[in-house]
Amino acid sequence: MDNDTAERTVLIPAGVSAKSLTCVRSLGSKGVRTVVASSDPAVPASASKYCDEHVLTPSPYEDLIAYKETLVALASREAVRAIIPSREVDAFVLSRYREEFAEHVAPLWPTMDTLRKVHDGLLLADVAAAAGVPTPETMLFDDVDDWSRELIIKPRYSVLTSEYVDNLTERDCDGRLSPIHPAPGERPDRAEVLRAMFGHVPVVQSYAPIEHEYSFRALYDEGEPVATSLRRQVRGKSYAGGASVYRELVDIPELADLGSRILDELDWHGLATVQFIERADTGEYEFLEVNPRTWTSIPTDVRAGADYPYFYWQVATGDRDAVDPTHDLGPGTHLLFGEIQYLASVLTAEYPNAPKPAFVDAVREVVGSILARPAFDYLTLDDPNPFVQGAINQLRSGVRS
């Protein structure tokens, strides 16, 4: 390894999703040395030909402090110039222990005070109100007195740690929890809801019929936008929505303005996606949440020329003026494993607030879009091993289930 390459290293904490793999492919293909850090020895990102080193870490969900200390040790390597957060727990660790990481790399992520506003659903509703951005009515579970209407129960916090929940220690961390869709007219059992939410009181939002889901994605530098794009979700991992499995980039100035207003109100710093829905009954847009990290559908942006991993590297290493934020619109990308999850949800899941398509129609829709636009998050001809590893992981998971 030559000295120039040794001095150009990025640390990528990785989960199983394609977002960390996309960062590895983007930066590795441009000559940046990539170090993947994960508690899972079989993450797809580590199978990429662009992964230079894979370091096993403690699981943040088993010992958050041990995980943090491992990342700090990796960041202290002289060659490491940047860390890219890919999960909520990564965003939390970087912000909560910002000073420790800032001794080694440029902290291109928000302060803990700002992150708390994003991770707390009640505080985030206040941010949206201050920015003049429409958002569903949001309240604590214990404050709901009318369960006759359509509502959705969500975790109050994006990640559960001692910073947010009193019954956890500094080493405890619980990952993202699933929302609950109660049937209108039935008051949910409080004890059961709290058990599902790991003991914390969740928030409840008014539910709206969804025509489309959108995501305004951005890289900000000290409150100023460096690059932005807008994604329309065609399908989520279930017929009720969720993480996108087929999506495309679009241009809707009104929606981009709403996303910008949220991040401007937060005086944002780093990567973020701002999630919206388009109401099927009124056509109006409503704000849902902010994700302070890379996003599952980032392969779509990179394929279109909005290369956020490389933009992040350029800003973090003092080369912001070289960022070219222009990108294409149109054809999107598929998460093949997610398409299978979507079809499985049509067969087996029940969401009282969401209309279920006929299974034959769902299959026709998925197959037709794959044939029309055969672009995928994991599967690429020049780097096939991550797809193979991901398929093996899915098979193992299925066997265990």
Protein backbone atom coordinates (compact mmCIF):
# COMPACT_ATOMS: atom_id res chain seq x y z
CA MET A 1 0.00 0.00 0.00
CA ASP A 2 1.41 3.39 -0.96
CA ASN A 3 1.44 6.34 1.40
CA ASP A 4 -1.18 8.33 -0.53
CA THR A 5 -3.70 5.48 -0.22
CA ALA A 6 -2.83 4.90 3.45
CA GLU A 7 -3.67 8.52 4.22
CA ARG A 8 -7.11 8.26 2.57
CA THR A 9 -9.19 5.96 4.76
CA VAL A 10 -12.88 6.08 5.64
CA LEU A 11 -14.51 4.21 8.53
CA ILE A 12 -17.93 2.76 7.70
CA PRO A 13 -19.93 1.23 10.58
CA ALA A 14 -22.05 -1.34 8.77
CA GLY A 15 -25.30 -3.18 9.18
CA VAL A 16 -26.84 -5.63 6.75
CA SER A 17 -28.51 -3.00 4.57
CA ALA A 18 -27.28 -1.82 1.18
CA LYS A 19 -26.53 1.69 2.45
CA SER A 20 -23.18 0.74 3.98
CA LEU A 21 -22.39 -1.40 0.93
CA THR A 22 -23.11 1.59 -1.30
CA CYS A 23 -20.69 3.71 0.72
CA VAL A 24 -17.99 1.04 0.33
CA ARG A 25 -18.54 0.80 -3.43
CA SER A 26 -18.70 4.55 -3.95
CA LEU A 27 -15.57 5.44 -2.01
CA GLY A 28 -13.55 2.32 -2.74
CA SER A 29 -14.01 2.80 -6.47
CA LYS A 30 -12.52 6.29 -6.12
CA GLY A 31 -9.35 5.15 -4.40
CA VAL A 32 -10.42 5.78 -0.81
CA ARG A 33 -9.41 2.94 1.49
CA THR A 34 -12.49 1.50 3.22
CA VAL A 35 -12.66 -0.02 6.70
CA VAL A 36 -15.96 -1.75 7.46
CA ALA A 37 -16.76 -2.03 11.18
CA SER A 38 -19.49 -4.47 12.18
CA SER A 39 -20.46 -6.94 14.88
CA ASP A 40 -21.65 -9.31 12.16
CA PRO A 41 -18.88 -11.25 10.38
CA ALA A 42 -21.14 -11.76 7.35
CA VAL A 43 -22.35 -8.26 6.49
CA PRO A 44 -22.65 -7.89 2.68
CA ALA A 45 -20.46 -4.76 2.67
CA SER A 46 -17.51 -6.81 3.87
CA ALA A 47 -17.86 -9.12 0.84
CA SER A 48 -17.40 -6.28 -1.63
CA LYS A 49 -14.22 -6.14 -3.69
CA TYR A 50 -14.01 -2.51 -2.58
CA CYS A 51 -13.80 -3.41 1.13
CA ASP A 52 -10.15 -3.17 2.17
CA GLU A 53 -10.58 -4.23 5.81
CA HIS A 54 -13.34 -5.68 7.96
CA VAL A 55 -13.09 -5.14 11.73
CA LEU A 56 -15.39 -7.03 14.08
CA THR A 57 -16.88 -4.88 16.84
CA PRO A 58 -19.00 -5.57 19.92
CA SER A 59 -22.71 -5.34 19.19
CA PRO A 60 -24.04 -1.89 20.13
CA TYR A 61 -27.24 -3.62 21.25
CA GLU A 62 -25.31 -5.72 23.76
CA ASP A 63 -22.78 -3.17 25.02
CA LEU A 64 -23.10 0.36 23.65
CA ILE A 65 -20.01 1.66 25.45
CA ALA A 66 -17.79 -1.16 24.19
CA TYR A 67 -19.04 -0.46 20.68
CA LYS A 68 -18.30 3.24 21.06
CA GLU A 69 -14.83 2.60 22.38
CA THR A 70 -14.04 0.33 19.44
CA LEU A 71 -15.13 3.01 16.96
CA VAL A 72 -13.06 5.65 18.76
CA ALA A 73 -10.01 3.37 18.58
CA LEU A 74 -10.53 2.89 14.85
CA ALA A 75 -11.08 6.62 14.32
CA SER A 76 -7.80 7.32 16.10
CA ARG A 77 -5.84 5.61 13.35
CA GLU A 78 -3.75 8.25 11.61
CA ALA A 79 -5.06 7.34 8.16
CA VAL A 80 -8.78 7.58 9.03
CA ARG A 81 -10.22 10.88 7.80
CA ALA A 82 -13.99 10.37 8.09
CA ILE A 83 -16.75 8.24 9.66
CA ILE A 84 -20.08 7.77 7.88
CA PRO A 85 -23.08 6.91 10.13
CA SER A 86 -25.39 4.31 8.60
CA ARG A 87 -27.72 3.39 11.50
CA GLU A 88 -29.59 5.28 14.21
CA VAL A 89 -27.25 3.82 16.82
CA ASP A 90 -24.24 5.13 14.87
CA ALA A 91 -25.77 8.59 14.71
CA PHE A 92 -26.41 8.46 18.46
CA VAL A 93 -22.89 7.29 19.37
CA LEU A 94 -21.25 9.94 17.18
CA SER A 95 -23.37 12.77 18.61
CA ARG A 96 -23.41 11.61 22.24
CA TYR A 97 -19.61 11.20 22.29
CA ARG A 98 -18.90 13.91 19.74
CA GLU A 99 -15.86 15.34 21.49
CA GLU A 100 -14.08 11.99 21.62
CA PHE A 101 -14.48 11.45 17.87
CA ALA A 102 -13.74 15.09 17.02
CA GLU A 103 -10.19 14.59 18.35
CA HIS A 104 -9.54 12.39 15.32
CA VAL A 105 -11.93 13.26 12.45
CA ALA A 106 -14.06 16.21 11.36
CA PRO A 107 -17.45 15.76 13.12
CA LEU A 108 -19.79 15.93 10.13
CA TRP A 109 -22.88 15.13 12.19
CA PRO A 110 -25.20 17.08 14.53
CA THR A 111 -24.63 17.94 18.18
CA MET A 112 -26.46 15.89 20.81
CA ASP A 113 -28.90 18.74 21.49
CA THR A 114 -29.93 18.76 17.83
CA LEU A 115 -30.05 14.98 17.56
CA ARG A 116 -32.35 14.78 20.57
CA LYS A 117 -34.90 16.94 18.71
CA VAL A 118 -34.76 14.49 15.81
CA HIS A 119 -34.90 11.28 17.88
CA ASP A 120 -37.81 12.43 20.07
CA GLY A 121 -41.13 12.31 18.19
CA LEU A 122 -42.75 14.95 20.43
CA LEU A 123 -39.88 17.42 20.08
CA LEU A 124 -39.74 16.83 16.34
CA ALA A 125 -43.42 17.75 15.99
CA ASP A 126 -42.56 21.07 17.65
CA VAL A 127 -39.72 21.59 15.16
CA ALA A 128 -42.12 21.04 12.26
CA ALA A 129 -44.62 23.49 13.75
CA ALA A 130 -41.91 26.13 14.15
CA ALA A 131 -40.88 25.60 10.52
CA GLY A 132 -44.46 25.90 9.31
CA VAL A 133 -44.47 22.36 7.89
CA PRO A 134 -47.70 20.30 8.13
CA THR A 135 -47.40 17.18 10.30
CA PRO A 136 -49.92 14.65 11.65
CA GLU A 137 -51.37 15.35 15.08
CA THR A 138 -48.87 13.87 17.56
CA MET A 139 -49.44 13.08 21.25
CA LEU A 140 -48.31 10.70 23.97
CA PHE A 141 -50.14 7.39 24.20
CA ASP A 142 -51.42 8.27 27.68
CA ASP A 143 -52.95 11.51 26.39
CA VAL A 144 -55.19 9.87 23.78
CA ASP A 145 -58.86 9.88 24.81
CA ASP A 146 -60.47 9.07 21.46
CA TRP A 147 -59.56 5.72 19.87
CA SER A 148 -62.53 5.71 17.48
CA ARG A 149 -60.51 7.30 14.65
CA GLU A 150 -57.65 5.86 12.65
CA LEU A 151 -54.41 6.19 14.62
CA ILE A 152 -50.92 4.73 14.52
CA ILE A 153 -48.73 4.01 17.57
CA LYS A 154 -45.02 4.72 17.12
CA PRO A 155 -41.96 4.59 19.37
CA ARG A 156 -41.36 8.01 20.87
CA TYR A 157 -37.62 7.66 20.31
CA SER A 158 -35.79 6.47 17.21
CA VAL A 159 -33.38 4.50 19.40
CA LEU A 160 -33.73 3.60 23.08
CA THR A 161 -30.78 4.49 25.30
CA SER A 162 -30.24 5.86 28.80
CA GLU A 163 -30.12 9.34 27.25
CA TYR A 164 -33.84 9.01 26.52
CA VAL A 165 -35.23 6.26 28.78
CA ASP A 166 -34.65 6.11 32.54
CA ASN A 167 -34.81 2.33 32.96
CA LEU A 168 -31.72 1.71 30.78
CA THR A 169 -28.04 1.89 31.69
CA GLU A 170 -25.35 3.66 29.66
CA ARG A 171 -24.42 0.34 28.05
CA ASP A 172 -27.99 -0.54 27.02
CA CYS A 173 -29.42 0.09 23.58
CA ASP A 174 -32.51 -1.19 21.85
CA GLY A 175 -32.89 -0.87 18.11
CA ARG A 176 -35.72 0.62 16.13
CA LEU A 177 -39.15 -0.71 17.12
CA SER A 178 -42.07 -1.40 14.81
CA PRO A 179 -45.22 0.76 14.80
CA ILE A 180 -48.57 -0.64 15.92
CA HIS A 181 -51.71 -0.23 13.81
CA PRO A 182 -54.72 -0.44 16.19
CA ALA A 183 -58.16 -1.10 14.75
CA PRO A 184 -60.38 2.01 15.03
CA GLY A 185 -62.73 1.81 18.01
CA GLU A 186 -60.52 -0.54 20.02
CA ARG A 187 -58.46 0.94 22.86
CA PRO A 188 -55.11 -0.89 22.92
CA ASP A 189 -54.06 -2.56 26.15
CA ARG A 190 -51.51 -0.22 27.73
CA ALA A 191 -49.43 -2.98 29.31
CA GLU A 192 -49.14 -4.83 26.00
CA VAL A 193 -48.18 -1.65 24.17
CA LEU A 194 -45.47 -0.81 26.71
CA ARG A 195 -44.08 -4.35 26.49
CA ALA A 196 -43.86 -3.98 22.71
CA MET A 197 -42.13 -0.63 23.19
CA PHE A 198 -39.55 -1.95 25.68
CA GLY A 199 -41.18 -0.12 28.57
CA HIS A 200 -41.36 3.45 27.27
CA VAL A 201 -44.55 5.39 26.58
CA PRO A 202 -44.87 5.80 22.80
CA VAL A 203 -46.42 8.54 20.72
CA VAL A 204 -49.64 8.28 18.74
CA GLN A 205 -50.27 10.02 15.43
CA SER A 206 -53.39 10.52 13.37
CA TYR A 207 -53.33 8.17 10.41
CA ALA A 208 -53.88 9.41 6.86
CA PRO A 209 -54.46 7.35 3.72
CA ILE A 210 -51.22 7.44 1.73
CA GLU A 211 -51.00 8.11 -1.99
CA HIS A 212 -47.19 8.26 -2.07
CA GLU A 213 -44.26 8.38 0.36
CA TYR A 214 -41.37 10.77 -0.26
CA SER A 215 -37.94 11.37 1.18
CA PHE A 216 -36.01 14.63 0.93
CA ARG A 217 -32.35 13.74 1.33
CA ALA A 218 -29.55 16.15 1.95
CA LEU A 219 -26.00 16.79 3.02
CA TYR A 220 -25.65 19.99 5.06
CA ASP A 221 -22.53 21.76 6.25
CA GLU A 222 -23.07 24.00 9.30
CA GLY A 223 -26.65 24.85 8.35
CA GLU A 224 -26.01 25.22 4.60
CA PRO A 225 -27.16 22.66 1.99
CA VAL A 226 -24.35 21.08 -0.02
CA ALA A 227 -26.45 18.60 -2.04
CA THR A 228 -30.13 17.58 -2.05
CA SER A 229 -32.42 15.18 -3.88
CA LEU A 230 -35.98 13.89 -3.60
CA ARG A 231 -37.15 10.27 -3.73
CA ARG A 232 -40.63 8.94 -4.40
CA GLN A 233 -41.34 5.52 -2.93
CA VAL A 234 -43.09 3.16 -5.33
CA ARG A 235 -43.18 0.20 -2.91
CA GLY A 236 -42.24 -0.37 0.72
CA LYS A 237 -41.25 -3.60 2.44
CA SER A 238 -44.92 -4.13 3.30
CA TYR A 239 -48.12 -3.09 1.57
CA ALA A 240 -48.62 -0.62 4.44
CA GLY A 241 -45.33 1.14 3.59
CA GLY A 242 -42.11 0.97 5.58
CA ALA A 243 -38.57 1.07 4.22
CA SER A 244 -38.57 1.48 0.45
CA VAL A 245 -37.82 -1.47 -1.81
CA TYR A 246 -38.50 0.24 -5.15
CA ARG A 247 -38.11 3.99 -5.63
CA GLU A 248 -37.12 6.76 -8.04
CA LEU A 249 -35.82 10.33 -7.87
CA VAL A 250 -38.27 13.10 -8.75
CA ASP A 251 -38.44 16.89 -8.87
CA ILE A 252 -41.21 18.50 -6.78
CA PRO A 253 -40.11 22.01 -5.71
CA GLU A 254 -42.90 22.40 -3.13
CA LEU A 255 -41.85 19.23 -1.33
CA ALA A 256 -38.14 20.04 -1.54
CA ASP A 257 -38.93 23.40 0.07
CA LEU A 258 -40.71 21.69 2.98
CA GLY A 259 -37.73 19.40 3.52
CA SER A 260 -35.33 22.31 3.47
CA ARG A 261 -37.43 24.21 6.00
CA ILE A 262 -37.18 21.33 8.49
CA LEU A 263 -33.39 21.07 8.17
CA ASP A 264 -32.98 24.85 8.20
CA GLU A 265 -35.01 25.03 11.42
CA LEU A 266 -32.63 22.47 12.94
CA ASP A 267 -29.54 24.33 11.62
CA TRP A 268 -28.55 20.91 10.34
CA HIS A 269 -25.04 19.50 9.96
CA GLY A 270 -24.34 16.23 8.14
CA LEU A 271 -26.51 13.72 6.28
CA ALA A 272 -30.27 13.46 6.70
CA THR A 273 -33.47 12.30 5.11
CA VAL A 274 -36.77 14.06 5.79
CA GLN A 275 -39.74 11.73 5.34
CA PHE A 276 -43.12 12.86 3.96
CA ILE A 277 -46.38 11.35 2.83
CA GLU A 278 -48.81 12.63 0.23
CA ARG A 279 -52.34 12.21 1.58
CA ALA A 280 -54.60 10.21 -0.70
CA ASP A 281 -57.69 12.11 0.45
CA THR A 282 -56.43 15.70 0.07
CA GLY A 283 -53.21 15.52 -1.96
CA GLU A 284 -51.44 17.50 0.78
CA TYR A 285 -47.95 16.66 2.05
CA GLU A 286 -47.34 15.83 5.70
CA PHE A 287 -43.99 15.52 7.47
CA LEU A 288 -43.21 12.31 9.36
CA GLU A 289 -39.59 12.06 10.57
CA VAL A 290 -35.91 12.87 10.09
CA ASN A 291 -33.26 10.15 9.76
CA PRO A 292 -29.81 11.55 10.72
CA ARG A 293 -27.66 9.11 8.70
CA THR A 294 -27.35 7.42 5.33
CA TRP A 295 -30.57 5.87 4.05
CA THR A 296 -31.65 2.48 2.73
CA SER A 297 -32.39 3.76 -0.77
CA ILE A 298 -29.09 5.62 -1.21
CA PRO A 299 -28.15 3.32 -4.15
CA THR A 300 -30.84 5.15 -6.14
CA ASP A 301 -29.17 8.53 -5.51
CA VAL A 302 -25.68 7.29 -6.31
CA ARG A 303 -26.82 5.68 -9.59
CA ALA A 304 -28.42 8.99 -10.54
CA GLY A 305 -25.24 10.96 -9.85
CA ALA A 306 -26.07 12.22 -6.36
CA ASP A 307 -23.08 10.45 -4.82
CA TYR A 308 -23.66 11.28 -1.17
CA PRO A 309 -20.93 8.99 0.24
CA TYR A 310 -18.34 10.77 -1.91
CA PHE A 311 -19.89 14.19 -1.21
CA TYR A 312 -19.62 13.40 2.50
CA TRP A 313 -15.97 12.45 2.06
CA GLN A 314 -15.26 15.66 0.15
CA VAL A 315 -16.82 17.88 2.84
CA ALA A 316 -15.26 15.94 5.72
CA THR A 317 -11.81 16.25 4.17
CA GLY A 318 -12.08 19.98 3.41
CA ASP A 319 -12.91 19.75 -0.29
CA ARG A 320 -16.50 21.01 -0.25
CA ASP A 321 -16.01 23.28 -3.28
CA ALA A 322 -15.40 20.19 -5.44
CA VAL A 323 -18.89 18.77 -4.78
CA ASP A 324 -21.06 18.60 -7.92
CA PRO A 325 -24.66 18.27 -6.62
CA THR A 326 -26.36 17.82 -10.01
CA HIS A 327 -28.08 14.50 -10.67
CA ASP A 328 -30.46 12.73 -13.02
CA LEU A 329 -34.12 11.88 -12.48
CA GLY A 330 -36.16 8.87 -13.54
CA PRO A 331 -35.36 5.16 -13.34
CA GLY A 332 -34.98 3.85 -9.81
CA THR A 333 -33.51 0.79 -8.11
CA HIS A 334 -34.91 -2.35 -6.49
CA LEU A 335 -34.08 -4.06 -3.22
CA LEU A 336 -34.76 -7.64 -4.32
CA PHE A 337 -34.95 -9.06 -0.80
CA GLY A 338 -37.36 -6.27 0.05
CA GLU A 339 -39.57 -7.06 -2.94
CA ILE A 340 -39.94 -10.58 -1.51
CA GLN A 341 -40.85 -9.07 1.89
CA TYR A 342 -43.46 -6.91 0.17
CA LEU A 343 -45.07 -9.92 -1.51
CA ALA A 344 -44.94 -11.88 1.75
CA SER A 345 -46.77 -9.05 3.52
CA VAL A 346 -49.54 -9.20 0.93
CA LEU A 347 -49.90 -12.93 1.63
CA THR A 348 -49.59 -12.97 5.42
CA ALA A 349 -49.87 -9.53 7.07
CA GLU A 350 -52.92 -7.55 8.15
CA TYR A 351 -52.82 -3.76 8.55
CA PRO A 352 -56.31 -2.47 9.38
CA ASN A 353 -55.55 1.05 8.16
CA ALA A 354 -54.03 0.11 4.80
CA PRO A 355 -55.81 -1.40 1.75
CA LYS A 356 -54.32 -4.75 0.70
CA PRO A 357 -53.79 -5.40 -3.03
CA ALA A 358 -54.67 -8.73 -4.61
CA PHE A 359 -51.65 -11.05 -4.56
CA VAL A 360 -51.78 -11.66 -8.31
CA ASP A 361 -51.78 -7.91 -8.94
CA ALA A 362 -48.88 -7.44 -6.52
CA VAL A 363 -46.80 -10.11 -8.28
CA ARG A 364 -47.58 -8.59 -11.69
CA GLU A 365 -46.54 -5.14 -10.43
CA VAL A 366 -43.25 -6.33 -8.93
CA VAL A 367 -42.20 -8.51 -11.88
CA GLY A 368 -43.18 -5.87 -14.42
CA SER A 369 -41.13 -3.13 -12.76
CA ILE A 370 -38.09 -5.41 -12.40
CA LEU A 371 -38.20 -6.29 -16.09
CA ALA A 372 -38.67 -2.64 -17.06
CA ARG A 373 -35.96 -1.29 -14.74
CA PRO A 374 -33.43 -4.01 -13.83
CA ALA A 375 -31.27 -1.96 -11.45
CA PHE A 376 -30.61 -3.34 -7.99
CA ASP A 377 -29.16 -2.28 -4.63
CA TYR A 378 -27.00 -5.36 -4.00
CA LEU A 379 -26.73 -7.13 -7.35
CA THR A 380 -24.15 -5.64 -9.75
CA LEU A 381 -22.17 -7.47 -12.40
CA ASP A 382 -18.82 -5.98 -11.37
CA ASP A 383 -19.24 -6.73 -7.65
CA PRO A 384 -21.53 -9.77 -7.22
CA ASN A 385 -20.24 -11.17 -3.91
CA PRO A 386 -22.31 -8.89 -1.62
CA PHE A 387 -25.51 -10.13 -3.28
CA VAL A 388 -24.42 -13.73 -2.78
CA GLN A 389 -23.59 -13.03 0.87
CA GLY A 390 -26.92 -11.29 1.35
CA ALA A 391 -28.76 -14.25 -0.16
CA ILE A 392 -26.91 -16.64 2.15
CA ASN A 393 -27.82 -14.44 5.13
CA GLN A 394 -31.49 -14.49 4.11
CA LEU A 395 -31.48 -18.27 3.78
CA ARG A 396 -29.85 -18.69 7.18
CA SER A 397 -32.37 -16.30 8.71
CA GLY A 398 -35.22 -18.26 7.14
CA VAL A 399 -33.90 -21.55 8.48
CA ARG A 400 -33.58 -20.09 12.00
CA SER A 401 -37.13 -18.75 11.78
